[in-house]
Amino acid sequence: MADTKQEEKDETTYCQAFKKNKCTNCVLENKLNCKWERKLLWQFQRVFSPYLLVSTIGMVLFSIWSGIRVYSIIYTSFLVVYFFIIRLKVLCSHCPYYEQKKFMEPLPKIWKYQSKPMNILEKIVNFTGHFFFLLFPTTIQTYGIWFLLTKVSDFKNHQLIMFSIFLGVTILTGIYYAVGLASKLCSKCVNLHCPQNRVPKNLVKLYSARF
């Protein structure tokens, strides 16, 4: 029973080396992103930005050509509220980087750091937000194809072709985002409380043992 509690504790504590910056000959070197580095932000942007850019352009084109702006307003409002407020609370506030206010600049640190695991509600909100981010633009753009097809007399063929291309690229960049996030970042992330964390159990134990 004591061993079980110790294992649970080990998976929710953080490596003391995180603050001491003593990583020479560490077995976790290049296997875990124990330390914050600016390149981690650029890695995230490389997998995040293409989908964000293409999906947003697709939504804007649909608004312009159809005259229906409500979907773009919903998506834009979601991006601002979720990524700048809600996500910071339910996910980022549990991360060791957040404790040191890393990756946040120039955003204000509006939530208190939480060393405890995410609760059920936070996990539901986190997954719902990610699914909405990935599925809403593709759903609306698919509807946009149907909208253009049913009003083909009012639109030029190049608009339908262009919008079809944007839908295809949106889907591809969405897949790139999901796969890239899981393989390049989540597999080395020190936010062990995140349900998307993909760090192998053996590395979690090695990381926790250095506390």
N, C-alpha and C. Protein backbone atom coordinates (compact mmCIF):
# COMPACT_ATOMS: atom_id res chain seq x y z
N MET A 1 0.84 -1.20 0.00
CA MET A 1 0.00 0.00 0.00
C MET A 1 0.87 1.25 0.00
N ALA A 2 1.91 1.21 0.81
CA ALA A 2 2.83 2.34 0.89
C ALA A 2 3.55 2.55 -0.43
N ASP A 3 3.93 1.40 -1.10
CA ASP A 3 4.61 1.49 -2.37
C ASP A 3 3.73 2.13 -3.43
N THR A 4 2.42 1.78 -3.40
CA THR A 4 1.48 2.33 -4.36
C THR A 4 1.36 3.84 -4.20
N LYS A 5 1.27 4.29 -2.94
CA LYS A 5 1.18 5.73 -2.68
C LYS A 5 2.44 6.45 -3.12
N GLN A 6 3.60 5.78 -2.92
CA GLN A 6 4.86 6.39 -3.31
C GLN A 6 4.94 6.54 -4.84
N GLU A 7 4.45 5.50 -5.56
CA GLU A 7 4.45 5.56 -7.02
C GLU A 7 3.54 6.68 -7.52
N GLU A 8 2.38 6.83 -6.87
CA GLU A 8 1.46 7.90 -7.25
C GLU A 8 2.11 9.26 -7.00
N LYS A 9 2.83 9.36 -5.90
CA LYS A 9 3.51 10.61 -5.56
C LYS A 9 4.60 10.91 -6.59
N ASP A 10 5.35 9.84 -6.97
CA ASP A 10 6.45 10.02 -7.91
C ASP A 10 5.98 10.57 -9.24
N GLU A 11 4.77 10.19 -9.68
CA GLU A 11 4.29 10.61 -10.98
C GLU A 11 3.70 12.01 -10.96
N THR A 12 3.62 12.61 -9.80
CA THR A 12 3.06 13.95 -9.73
C THR A 12 4.01 14.95 -9.09
N THR A 13 5.30 14.61 -9.03
CA THR A 13 6.30 15.54 -8.51
C THR A 13 7.26 15.90 -9.64
N TYR A 14 8.09 16.89 -9.40
CA TYR A 14 8.95 17.37 -10.46
C TYR A 14 10.43 17.28 -10.10
N CYS A 15 11.22 17.07 -11.12
CA CYS A 15 12.66 16.92 -10.97
C CYS A 15 13.29 18.15 -10.34
N GLN A 16 14.08 17.95 -9.29
CA GLN A 16 14.73 19.08 -8.64
C GLN A 16 15.71 19.76 -9.60
N ALA A 17 16.22 18.99 -10.55
CA ALA A 17 17.16 19.57 -11.51
C ALA A 17 16.50 20.64 -12.37
N PHE A 18 15.16 20.65 -12.39
CA PHE A 18 14.44 21.66 -13.17
C PHE A 18 14.82 23.07 -12.76
N LYS A 19 15.05 23.28 -11.44
CA LYS A 19 15.39 24.60 -10.95
C LYS A 19 16.91 24.81 -10.79
N LYS A 20 17.64 23.73 -10.64
CA LYS A 20 19.08 23.86 -10.37
C LYS A 20 19.93 23.96 -11.63
N ASN A 21 19.36 23.60 -12.75
CA ASN A 21 20.08 23.70 -14.02
C ASN A 21 21.38 22.90 -14.01
N LYS A 22 21.32 21.68 -13.47
CA LYS A 22 22.47 20.78 -13.46
C LYS A 22 22.09 19.53 -14.23
N CYS A 23 22.38 19.56 -15.52
CA CYS A 23 21.92 18.47 -16.39
C CYS A 23 23.06 17.68 -17.02
N THR A 24 24.29 17.97 -16.64
CA THR A 24 25.44 17.30 -17.23
C THR A 24 25.38 15.79 -17.02
N ASN A 25 25.50 15.04 -18.10
CA ASN A 25 25.48 13.58 -18.07
C ASN A 25 24.17 13.01 -17.53
N CYS A 26 23.10 13.78 -17.58
CA CYS A 26 21.80 13.29 -17.12
C CYS A 26 21.24 12.27 -18.10
N VAL A 27 20.67 11.20 -17.59
CA VAL A 27 20.12 10.15 -18.45
C VAL A 27 18.89 10.63 -19.21
N LEU A 28 18.32 11.76 -18.79
CA LEU A 28 17.13 12.29 -19.44
C LEU A 28 17.46 13.29 -20.54
N GLU A 29 18.74 13.58 -20.73
CA GLU A 29 19.14 14.57 -21.73
C GLU A 29 18.65 14.16 -23.12
N ASN A 30 18.00 15.08 -23.81
CA ASN A 30 17.43 14.88 -25.14
C ASN A 30 16.24 13.92 -25.15
N LYS A 31 15.84 13.45 -23.98
CA LYS A 31 14.68 12.55 -23.91
C LYS A 31 13.47 13.23 -23.27
N LEU A 32 13.75 14.29 -22.51
CA LEU A 32 12.69 15.00 -21.81
C LEU A 32 13.03 16.49 -21.80
N ASN A 33 12.02 17.31 -22.02
CA ASN A 33 12.23 18.76 -22.00
C ASN A 33 12.11 19.29 -20.57
N CYS A 34 13.11 18.92 -19.74
CA CYS A 34 13.08 19.30 -18.33
C CYS A 34 13.20 20.80 -18.14
N LYS A 35 13.96 21.44 -19.01
CA LYS A 35 14.22 22.87 -18.90
C LYS A 35 13.47 23.64 -19.99
N TRP A 36 13.03 24.83 -19.62
CA TRP A 36 12.40 25.68 -20.63
C TRP A 36 13.47 26.26 -21.56
N GLU A 37 13.21 26.14 -22.87
CA GLU A 37 14.06 26.76 -23.88
C GLU A 37 13.15 27.40 -24.91
N ARG A 38 13.62 28.51 -25.47
CA ARG A 38 12.81 29.23 -26.45
C ARG A 38 12.45 28.36 -27.65
N LYS A 39 13.32 27.41 -27.97
CA LYS A 39 13.07 26.55 -29.13
C LYS A 39 11.82 25.70 -28.96
N LEU A 40 11.40 25.46 -27.71
CA LEU A 40 10.17 24.69 -27.48
C LEU A 40 8.96 25.46 -27.97
N LEU A 41 8.99 26.77 -27.79
CA LEU A 41 7.90 27.60 -28.28
C LEU A 41 7.84 27.57 -29.80
N TRP A 42 9.02 27.61 -30.44
CA TRP A 42 9.05 27.57 -31.90
C TRP A 42 8.62 26.21 -32.41
N GLN A 43 8.95 25.15 -31.69
CA GLN A 43 8.49 23.81 -32.09
C GLN A 43 6.97 23.74 -32.06
N PHE A 44 6.39 24.32 -31.01
CA PHE A 44 4.93 24.34 -30.92
C PHE A 44 4.33 25.17 -32.05
N GLN A 45 4.93 26.32 -32.32
CA GLN A 45 4.40 27.19 -33.37
C GLN A 45 4.49 26.53 -34.74
N ARG A 46 5.52 25.72 -34.96
CA ARG A 46 5.68 25.06 -36.25
C ARG A 46 4.56 24.06 -36.53
N VAL A 47 4.03 23.43 -35.49
CA VAL A 47 2.94 22.47 -35.71
C VAL A 47 1.57 23.11 -35.54
N PHE A 48 1.52 24.22 -34.80
CA PHE A 48 0.25 24.89 -34.50
C PHE A 48 -0.14 25.93 -35.55
N SER A 49 0.81 26.75 -35.96
CA SER A 49 0.52 27.90 -36.82
C SER A 49 -0.02 27.55 -38.21
N PRO A 50 0.50 26.52 -38.90
CA PRO A 50 -0.04 26.22 -40.24
C PRO A 50 -1.54 25.95 -40.21
N TYR A 51 -1.98 25.13 -39.26
CA TYR A 51 -3.41 24.84 -39.18
C TYR A 51 -4.21 26.08 -38.79
N LEU A 52 -3.70 26.83 -37.83
CA LEU A 52 -4.40 28.04 -37.40
C LEU A 52 -4.56 29.01 -38.56
N LEU A 53 -3.50 29.21 -39.32
CA LEU A 53 -3.53 30.15 -40.44
C LEU A 53 -4.49 29.70 -41.54
N VAL A 54 -4.35 28.45 -41.98
CA VAL A 54 -5.16 27.95 -43.08
C VAL A 54 -6.64 27.86 -42.70
N SER A 55 -6.91 27.37 -41.51
CA SER A 55 -8.31 27.24 -41.08
C SER A 55 -8.97 28.61 -40.94
N THR A 56 -8.22 29.59 -40.46
CA THR A 56 -8.77 30.93 -40.30
C THR A 56 -9.05 31.57 -41.66
N ILE A 57 -8.12 31.42 -42.62
CA ILE A 57 -8.33 31.96 -43.96
C ILE A 57 -9.55 31.31 -44.60
N GLY A 58 -9.69 30.00 -44.41
CA GLY A 58 -10.85 29.29 -44.96
C GLY A 58 -12.16 29.82 -44.39
N MET A 59 -12.18 30.08 -43.09
CA MET A 59 -13.38 30.63 -42.45
C MET A 59 -13.69 32.03 -42.98
N VAL A 60 -12.65 32.84 -43.19
CA VAL A 60 -12.83 34.20 -43.70
C VAL A 60 -13.37 34.17 -45.13
N LEU A 61 -12.81 33.30 -45.95
CA LEU A 61 -13.28 33.19 -47.33
C LEU A 61 -14.75 32.79 -47.38
N PHE A 62 -15.12 31.85 -46.52
CA PHE A 62 -16.53 31.43 -46.48
C PHE A 62 -17.43 32.61 -46.09
N SER A 63 -16.98 33.40 -45.13
CA SER A 63 -17.76 34.56 -44.69
C SER A 63 -17.94 35.57 -45.82
N ILE A 64 -16.84 35.80 -46.57
CA ILE A 64 -16.88 36.78 -47.65
C ILE A 64 -17.77 36.31 -48.79
N TRP A 65 -17.60 35.07 -49.20
CA TRP A 65 -18.33 34.58 -50.37
C TRP A 65 -19.79 34.23 -50.08
N SER A 66 -20.08 33.83 -48.86
CA SER A 66 -21.45 33.44 -48.53
C SER A 66 -22.24 34.57 -47.87
N GLY A 67 -21.52 35.50 -47.27
CA GLY A 67 -22.19 36.57 -46.54
C GLY A 67 -22.63 36.15 -45.15
N ILE A 68 -22.31 34.90 -44.77
CA ILE A 68 -22.65 34.37 -43.45
C ILE A 68 -21.43 34.55 -42.55
N ARG A 69 -21.51 35.47 -41.62
CA ARG A 69 -20.35 35.82 -40.79
C ARG A 69 -20.38 35.23 -39.39
N VAL A 70 -21.50 34.63 -39.02
CA VAL A 70 -21.65 34.16 -37.65
C VAL A 70 -20.62 33.08 -37.29
N TYR A 71 -20.28 32.22 -38.26
CA TYR A 71 -19.34 31.13 -37.98
C TYR A 71 -17.92 31.66 -37.73
N SER A 72 -17.54 32.67 -38.50
CA SER A 72 -16.22 33.28 -38.29
C SER A 72 -16.16 33.99 -36.95
N ILE A 73 -17.26 34.61 -36.56
CA ILE A 73 -17.31 35.29 -35.27
C ILE A 73 -17.19 34.28 -34.14
N ILE A 74 -17.89 33.15 -34.28
CA ILE A 74 -17.82 32.09 -33.27
C ILE A 74 -16.40 31.55 -33.16
N TYR A 75 -15.77 31.29 -34.30
CA TYR A 75 -14.42 30.71 -34.30
C TYR A 75 -13.39 31.68 -33.74
N THR A 76 -13.47 32.94 -34.16
CA THR A 76 -12.54 33.95 -33.66
C THR A 76 -12.70 34.14 -32.15
N SER A 77 -13.95 34.19 -31.69
CA SER A 77 -14.22 34.35 -30.25
C SER A 77 -13.67 33.16 -29.48
N PHE A 78 -13.85 31.96 -30.05
CA PHE A 78 -13.33 30.74 -29.41
C PHE A 78 -11.82 30.80 -29.27
N LEU A 79 -11.11 31.18 -30.35
CA LEU A 79 -9.65 31.23 -30.33
C LEU A 79 -9.15 32.14 -29.22
N VAL A 80 -9.78 33.30 -29.09
CA VAL A 80 -9.35 34.28 -28.08
C VAL A 80 -9.65 33.78 -26.67
N VAL A 81 -10.91 33.37 -26.45
CA VAL A 81 -11.33 32.98 -25.11
C VAL A 81 -10.67 31.68 -24.66
N TYR A 82 -10.59 30.70 -25.56
CA TYR A 82 -10.04 29.40 -25.16
C TYR A 82 -8.53 29.44 -24.97
N PHE A 83 -7.79 29.92 -25.97
CA PHE A 83 -6.35 29.85 -25.91
C PHE A 83 -5.71 30.90 -25.00
N PHE A 84 -6.39 32.01 -24.77
CA PHE A 84 -5.80 33.06 -23.95
C PHE A 84 -6.35 33.10 -22.52
N ILE A 85 -7.44 32.37 -22.27
CA ILE A 85 -8.03 32.38 -20.93
C ILE A 85 -8.28 30.97 -20.40
N ILE A 86 -9.18 30.24 -21.05
CA ILE A 86 -9.62 28.94 -20.54
C ILE A 86 -8.51 27.91 -20.53
N ARG A 87 -7.79 27.78 -21.63
CA ARG A 87 -6.73 26.76 -21.72
C ARG A 87 -5.63 27.01 -20.69
N LEU A 88 -5.34 28.27 -20.44
CA LEU A 88 -4.33 28.59 -19.43
C LEU A 88 -4.74 28.10 -18.05
N LYS A 89 -6.05 28.11 -17.80
CA LYS A 89 -6.56 27.66 -16.50
C LYS A 89 -6.59 26.14 -16.39
N VAL A 90 -7.20 25.48 -17.38
CA VAL A 90 -7.44 24.04 -17.25
C VAL A 90 -6.21 23.20 -17.55
N LEU A 91 -5.27 23.71 -18.36
CA LEU A 91 -4.11 22.91 -18.75
C LEU A 91 -2.78 23.54 -18.33
N CYS A 92 -2.52 24.75 -18.81
CA CYS A 92 -1.20 25.36 -18.62
C CYS A 92 -0.88 25.66 -17.16
N SER A 93 -1.88 25.95 -16.35
CA SER A 93 -1.61 26.29 -14.94
C SER A 93 -1.09 25.10 -14.15
N HIS A 94 -1.14 23.89 -14.72
CA HIS A 94 -0.61 22.69 -14.06
C HIS A 94 0.83 22.40 -14.47
N CYS A 95 1.37 23.20 -15.38
CA CYS A 95 2.70 22.94 -15.94
C CYS A 95 3.80 23.62 -15.14
N PRO A 96 4.95 22.96 -14.92
CA PRO A 96 6.07 23.58 -14.21
C PRO A 96 6.55 24.86 -14.87
N TYR A 97 6.47 24.94 -16.20
CA TYR A 97 6.86 26.15 -16.89
C TYR A 97 5.98 27.32 -16.48
N TYR A 98 4.71 27.04 -16.26
CA TYR A 98 3.76 28.10 -15.87
C TYR A 98 4.13 28.66 -14.50
N GLU A 99 4.63 27.79 -13.62
CA GLU A 99 5.01 28.23 -12.28
C GLU A 99 6.07 29.32 -12.37
N GLN A 100 6.98 29.18 -13.34
CA GLN A 100 8.04 30.17 -13.51
C GLN A 100 7.67 31.23 -14.53
N LYS A 101 6.40 31.19 -14.97
CA LYS A 101 5.87 32.15 -15.95
C LYS A 101 6.63 32.09 -17.28
N LYS A 102 7.10 30.91 -17.63
CA LYS A 102 7.77 30.74 -18.90
C LYS A 102 6.71 30.58 -20.00
N PHE A 103 7.07 30.89 -21.21
CA PHE A 103 6.28 30.83 -22.43
C PHE A 103 5.06 31.74 -22.42
N MET A 104 4.84 32.46 -21.30
CA MET A 104 3.65 33.28 -21.16
C MET A 104 3.82 34.69 -21.73
N GLU A 105 5.04 35.18 -21.77
CA GLU A 105 5.26 36.57 -22.19
C GLU A 105 4.70 36.80 -23.60
N PRO A 106 4.04 37.93 -23.88
CA PRO A 106 3.79 39.04 -22.96
C PRO A 106 2.43 38.94 -22.25
N LEU A 107 1.84 37.74 -22.23
CA LEU A 107 0.53 37.57 -21.60
C LEU A 107 0.66 37.64 -20.08
N PRO A 108 -0.34 38.20 -19.42
CA PRO A 108 -0.31 38.24 -17.94
C PRO A 108 -0.60 36.85 -17.37
N LYS A 109 -0.02 36.57 -16.25
CA LYS A 109 -0.26 35.29 -15.58
C LYS A 109 -1.51 35.46 -14.71
N ILE A 110 -2.67 35.14 -15.27
CA ILE A 110 -3.95 35.44 -14.61
C ILE A 110 -4.42 34.33 -13.68
N TRP A 111 -3.81 33.14 -13.79
CA TRP A 111 -4.23 32.03 -12.93
C TRP A 111 -3.09 31.60 -12.02
N LYS A 112 -3.44 31.06 -10.88
CA LYS A 112 -2.46 30.56 -9.94
C LYS A 112 -1.95 29.19 -10.39
N TYR A 113 -0.66 28.95 -10.19
CA TYR A 113 -0.07 27.65 -10.53
C TYR A 113 -0.69 26.56 -9.67
N GLN A 114 -1.01 25.42 -10.31
CA GLN A 114 -1.62 24.28 -9.61
C GLN A 114 -0.71 23.07 -9.73
N SER A 115 -0.16 22.61 -8.62
CA SER A 115 0.73 21.44 -8.65
C SER A 115 -0.05 20.13 -8.66
N LYS A 116 -1.35 20.20 -8.42
CA LYS A 116 -2.17 18.99 -8.38
C LYS A 116 -2.59 18.58 -9.79
N PRO A 117 -3.00 17.31 -9.96
CA PRO A 117 -3.46 16.84 -11.28
C PRO A 117 -4.73 17.55 -11.73
N MET A 118 -4.99 17.52 -13.04
CA MET A 118 -6.21 18.10 -13.58
C MET A 118 -7.42 17.32 -13.07
N ASN A 119 -8.50 18.02 -12.75
CA ASN A 119 -9.71 17.32 -12.35
C ASN A 119 -10.53 16.92 -13.58
N ILE A 120 -11.61 16.21 -13.36
CA ILE A 120 -12.43 15.69 -14.47
C ILE A 120 -12.95 16.82 -15.35
N LEU A 121 -13.46 17.87 -14.72
CA LEU A 121 -14.01 19.00 -15.48
C LEU A 121 -12.94 19.64 -16.36
N GLU A 122 -11.74 19.81 -15.81
CA GLU A 122 -10.66 20.42 -16.59
C GLU A 122 -10.28 19.54 -17.78
N LYS A 123 -10.27 18.22 -17.57
CA LYS A 123 -9.96 17.30 -18.67
C LYS A 123 -11.02 17.37 -19.77
N ILE A 124 -12.27 17.43 -19.36
CA ILE A 124 -13.38 17.51 -20.33
C ILE A 124 -13.28 18.81 -21.14
N VAL A 125 -13.03 19.92 -20.44
CA VAL A 125 -12.91 21.22 -21.12
C VAL A 125 -11.72 21.22 -22.06
N ASN A 126 -10.60 20.63 -21.64
CA ASN A 126 -9.40 20.57 -22.46
C ASN A 126 -9.64 19.79 -23.75
N PHE A 127 -10.23 18.61 -23.63
CA PHE A 127 -10.50 17.79 -24.81
C PHE A 127 -11.56 18.44 -25.71
N THR A 128 -12.59 19.00 -25.10
CA THR A 128 -13.64 19.65 -25.88
C THR A 128 -13.07 20.82 -26.68
N GLY A 129 -12.21 21.60 -26.04
CA GLY A 129 -11.59 22.72 -26.72
C GLY A 129 -10.74 22.29 -27.90
N HIS A 130 -9.96 21.23 -27.73
CA HIS A 130 -9.11 20.75 -28.82
C HIS A 130 -9.93 20.17 -29.96
N PHE A 131 -10.98 19.42 -29.64
CA PHE A 131 -11.83 18.85 -30.67
C PHE A 131 -12.55 19.96 -31.45
N PHE A 132 -13.01 20.97 -30.74
CA PHE A 132 -13.67 22.09 -31.40
C PHE A 132 -12.69 22.80 -32.33
N PHE A 133 -11.47 23.02 -31.86
CA PHE A 133 -10.44 23.69 -32.65
C PHE A 133 -10.15 22.94 -33.94
N LEU A 134 -10.16 21.61 -33.88
CA LEU A 134 -9.84 20.79 -35.05
C LEU A 134 -11.05 20.53 -35.95
N LEU A 135 -12.23 20.38 -35.37
CA LEU A 135 -13.39 19.96 -36.14
C LEU A 135 -14.27 21.09 -36.65
N PHE A 136 -14.36 22.19 -35.91
CA PHE A 136 -15.27 23.26 -36.31
C PHE A 136 -14.92 23.85 -37.68
N PRO A 137 -13.64 24.24 -37.91
CA PRO A 137 -13.31 24.81 -39.22
C PRO A 137 -13.55 23.84 -40.38
N THR A 138 -13.18 22.57 -40.20
CA THR A 138 -13.38 21.60 -41.28
C THR A 138 -14.86 21.35 -41.53
N THR A 139 -15.65 21.35 -40.47
CA THR A 139 -17.10 21.17 -40.63
C THR A 139 -17.71 22.34 -41.39
N ILE A 140 -17.35 23.56 -41.01
CA ILE A 140 -17.89 24.75 -41.67
C ILE A 140 -17.40 24.85 -43.11
N GLN A 141 -16.14 24.49 -43.34
CA GLN A 141 -15.62 24.54 -44.71
C GLN A 141 -16.28 23.48 -45.59
N THR A 142 -16.58 22.32 -45.02
CA THR A 142 -17.31 21.29 -45.77
C THR A 142 -18.70 21.79 -46.12
N TYR A 143 -19.33 22.44 -45.17
CA TYR A 143 -20.63 23.08 -45.43
C TYR A 143 -20.47 24.16 -46.50
N GLY A 144 -19.34 24.85 -46.50
CA GLY A 144 -19.07 25.88 -47.50
C GLY A 144 -19.02 25.31 -48.91
N ILE A 145 -18.45 24.13 -49.07
CA ILE A 145 -18.41 23.47 -50.38
C ILE A 145 -19.83 23.20 -50.87
N TRP A 146 -20.65 22.65 -49.98
CA TRP A 146 -22.05 22.39 -50.33
C TRP A 146 -22.78 23.69 -50.67
N PHE A 147 -22.51 24.74 -49.89
CA PHE A 147 -23.16 26.04 -50.11
C PHE A 147 -22.81 26.58 -51.50
N LEU A 148 -21.53 26.49 -51.88
CA LEU A 148 -21.11 26.98 -53.19
C LEU A 148 -21.68 26.13 -54.32
N LEU A 149 -21.76 24.82 -54.10
CA LEU A 149 -22.30 23.94 -55.13
C LEU A 149 -23.78 24.20 -55.40
N THR A 150 -24.52 24.50 -54.34
CA THR A 150 -25.97 24.74 -54.50
C THR A 150 -26.25 26.12 -55.07
N LYS A 151 -25.24 26.99 -55.09
CA LYS A 151 -25.41 28.34 -55.64
C LYS A 151 -24.37 28.59 -56.71
N VAL A 152 -24.10 27.55 -57.51
CA VAL A 152 -23.04 27.62 -58.50
C VAL A 152 -23.25 28.73 -59.51
N SER A 153 -24.51 29.11 -59.76
CA SER A 153 -24.78 30.17 -60.72
C SER A 153 -24.34 31.54 -60.20
N ASP A 154 -24.21 31.65 -58.89
CA ASP A 154 -23.83 32.92 -58.29
C ASP A 154 -22.33 33.03 -58.03
N PHE A 155 -21.61 31.94 -58.19
CA PHE A 155 -20.18 31.94 -57.89
C PHE A 155 -19.38 31.46 -59.10
N LYS A 156 -18.15 31.93 -59.17
CA LYS A 156 -17.26 31.50 -60.24
C LYS A 156 -16.62 30.17 -59.87
N ASN A 157 -16.25 29.40 -60.88
CA ASN A 157 -15.67 28.08 -60.64
C ASN A 157 -14.38 28.16 -59.84
N HIS A 158 -13.59 29.22 -60.04
CA HIS A 158 -12.31 29.31 -59.34
C HIS A 158 -12.52 29.45 -57.82
N GLN A 159 -13.67 30.00 -57.42
CA GLN A 159 -13.96 30.11 -56.00
C GLN A 159 -14.20 28.73 -55.39
N LEU A 160 -14.95 27.90 -56.10
CA LEU A 160 -15.21 26.55 -55.62
C LEU A 160 -13.92 25.73 -55.57
N ILE A 161 -13.08 25.87 -56.59
CA ILE A 161 -11.81 25.15 -56.62
C ILE A 161 -10.91 25.61 -55.48
N MET A 162 -10.81 26.92 -55.31
CA MET A 162 -9.97 27.48 -54.25
C MET A 162 -10.44 27.03 -52.88
N PHE A 163 -11.75 27.04 -52.66
CA PHE A 163 -12.28 26.66 -51.36
C PHE A 163 -12.07 25.17 -51.10
N SER A 164 -12.17 24.36 -52.15
CA SER A 164 -11.92 22.92 -52.01
C SER A 164 -10.47 22.67 -51.63
N ILE A 165 -9.56 23.44 -52.22
CA ILE A 165 -8.14 23.32 -51.88
C ILE A 165 -7.91 23.69 -50.43
N PHE A 166 -8.54 24.78 -49.98
CA PHE A 166 -8.38 25.21 -48.59
C PHE A 166 -8.92 24.16 -47.62
N LEU A 167 -10.02 23.50 -47.99
CA LEU A 167 -10.55 22.44 -47.14
C LEU A 167 -9.55 21.29 -47.03
N GLY A 168 -8.98 20.89 -48.16
CA GLY A 168 -8.01 19.80 -48.15
C GLY A 168 -6.77 20.14 -47.34
N VAL A 169 -6.27 21.37 -47.51
CA VAL A 169 -5.08 21.80 -46.77
C VAL A 169 -5.40 21.94 -45.28
N THR A 170 -6.61 22.39 -44.95
CA THR A 170 -7.02 22.49 -43.55
C THR A 170 -7.00 21.12 -42.88
N ILE A 171 -7.50 20.12 -43.57
CA ILE A 171 -7.52 18.76 -43.03
C ILE A 171 -6.09 18.25 -42.85
N LEU A 172 -5.24 18.47 -43.85
CA LEU A 172 -3.86 17.99 -43.78
C LEU A 172 -3.07 18.68 -42.67
N THR A 173 -3.23 20.00 -42.55
CA THR A 173 -2.50 20.71 -41.50
C THR A 173 -3.06 20.38 -40.11
N GLY A 174 -4.36 20.03 -40.05
CA GLY A 174 -4.94 19.58 -38.79
C GLY A 174 -4.34 18.27 -38.33
N ILE A 175 -4.15 17.35 -39.29
CA ILE A 175 -3.51 16.07 -38.99
C ILE A 175 -2.06 16.29 -38.58
N TYR A 176 -1.39 17.18 -39.30
CA TYR A 176 0.01 17.52 -38.97
C TYR A 176 0.12 18.08 -37.57
N TYR A 177 -0.83 18.93 -37.19
CA TYR A 177 -0.84 19.51 -35.85
C TYR A 177 -1.01 18.43 -34.78
N ALA A 178 -2.01 17.56 -34.97
CA ALA A 178 -2.30 16.53 -33.97
C ALA A 178 -1.14 15.54 -33.83
N VAL A 179 -0.61 15.09 -34.96
CA VAL A 179 0.50 14.12 -34.94
C VAL A 179 1.78 14.78 -34.44
N GLY A 180 2.06 15.99 -34.91
CA GLY A 180 3.27 16.69 -34.50
C GLY A 180 3.27 17.01 -33.02
N LEU A 181 2.11 17.42 -32.50
CA LEU A 181 2.01 17.72 -31.07
C LEU A 181 2.30 16.49 -30.23
N ALA A 182 1.71 15.36 -30.62
CA ALA A 182 1.88 14.12 -29.86
C ALA A 182 3.30 13.57 -29.95
N SER A 183 3.90 13.62 -31.14
CA SER A 183 5.20 12.99 -31.35
C SER A 183 6.39 13.88 -30.98
N LYS A 184 6.28 15.19 -31.19
CA LYS A 184 7.41 16.08 -30.97
C LYS A 184 7.40 16.78 -29.62
N LEU A 185 6.23 17.02 -29.05
CA LEU A 185 6.14 17.79 -27.81
C LEU A 185 5.57 16.98 -26.65
N CYS A 186 4.42 16.37 -26.84
CA CYS A 186 3.79 15.62 -25.74
C CYS A 186 4.63 14.44 -25.28
N SER A 187 5.46 13.91 -26.16
CA SER A 187 6.29 12.75 -25.81
C SER A 187 7.50 13.14 -24.96
N LYS A 188 7.75 14.46 -24.81
CA LYS A 188 8.88 14.92 -24.00
C LYS A 188 8.46 15.96 -22.96
N CYS A 189 7.17 16.15 -22.79
CA CYS A 189 6.65 17.23 -21.96
C CYS A 189 6.70 16.91 -20.46
N VAL A 190 7.06 17.92 -19.65
CA VAL A 190 7.15 17.72 -18.20
C VAL A 190 5.84 18.03 -17.48
N ASN A 191 4.80 18.39 -18.23
CA ASN A 191 3.49 18.57 -17.61
C ASN A 191 2.85 17.18 -17.49
N LEU A 192 3.25 16.47 -16.45
CA LEU A 192 2.81 15.08 -16.27
C LEU A 192 1.33 14.98 -15.93
N HIS A 193 0.70 16.10 -15.58
CA HIS A 193 -0.71 16.09 -15.24
C HIS A 193 -1.61 16.13 -16.47
N CYS A 194 -1.03 16.46 -17.61
CA CYS A 194 -1.82 16.60 -18.83
C CYS A 194 -2.24 15.23 -19.35
N PRO A 195 -3.53 15.03 -19.68
CA PRO A 195 -3.99 13.74 -20.20
C PRO A 195 -3.41 13.41 -21.57
N GLN A 196 -2.85 14.42 -22.26
CA GLN A 196 -2.24 14.19 -23.56
C GLN A 196 -0.75 13.86 -23.45
N ASN A 197 -0.23 13.84 -22.23
CA ASN A 197 1.19 13.57 -22.03
C ASN A 197 1.53 12.17 -22.52
N ARG A 198 2.61 12.08 -23.30
CA ARG A 198 3.02 10.80 -23.89
C ARG A 198 4.41 10.36 -23.43
N VAL A 199 4.88 10.89 -22.32
CA VAL A 199 6.19 10.52 -21.80
C VAL A 199 6.13 9.07 -21.30
N PRO A 200 7.05 8.21 -21.74
CA PRO A 200 7.05 6.82 -21.28
C PRO A 200 7.17 6.71 -19.77
N LYS A 201 6.57 5.70 -19.20
CA LYS A 201 6.56 5.53 -17.74
C LYS A 201 7.96 5.43 -17.14
N ASN A 202 8.87 4.80 -17.88
CA ASN A 202 10.23 4.67 -17.33
C ASN A 202 10.92 6.03 -17.20
N LEU A 203 10.63 6.94 -18.13
CA LEU A 203 11.21 8.28 -18.05
C LEU A 203 10.54 9.10 -16.95
N VAL A 204 9.24 8.87 -16.74
CA VAL A 204 8.53 9.56 -15.65
C VAL A 204 9.17 9.20 -14.31
N LYS A 205 9.48 7.93 -14.13
CA LYS A 205 10.09 7.48 -12.87
C LYS A 205 11.50 8.05 -12.69
N LEU A 206 12.27 8.08 -13.78
CA LEU A 206 13.61 8.64 -13.70
C LEU A 206 13.55 10.15 -13.39
N TYR A 207 12.62 10.82 -13.99
CA TYR A 207 12.45 12.26 -13.77
C TYR A 207 12.05 12.54 -12.32
N SER A 208 11.10 11.76 -11.82
CA SER A 208 10.61 11.95 -10.45
C SER A 208 11.66 11.57 -9.42
N ALA A 209 12.50 10.59 -9.75
CA ALA A 209 13.53 10.14 -8.80
C ALA A 209 14.58 11.21 -8.53
N ARG A 210 14.68 12.19 -9.41
CA ARG A 210 15.67 13.25 -9.23
C ARG A 210 15.14 14.37 -8.35
N PHE A 211 13.93 14.24 -7.86
CA PHE A 211 13.35 15.28 -7.00
C PHE A 211 14.04 15.27 -5.64
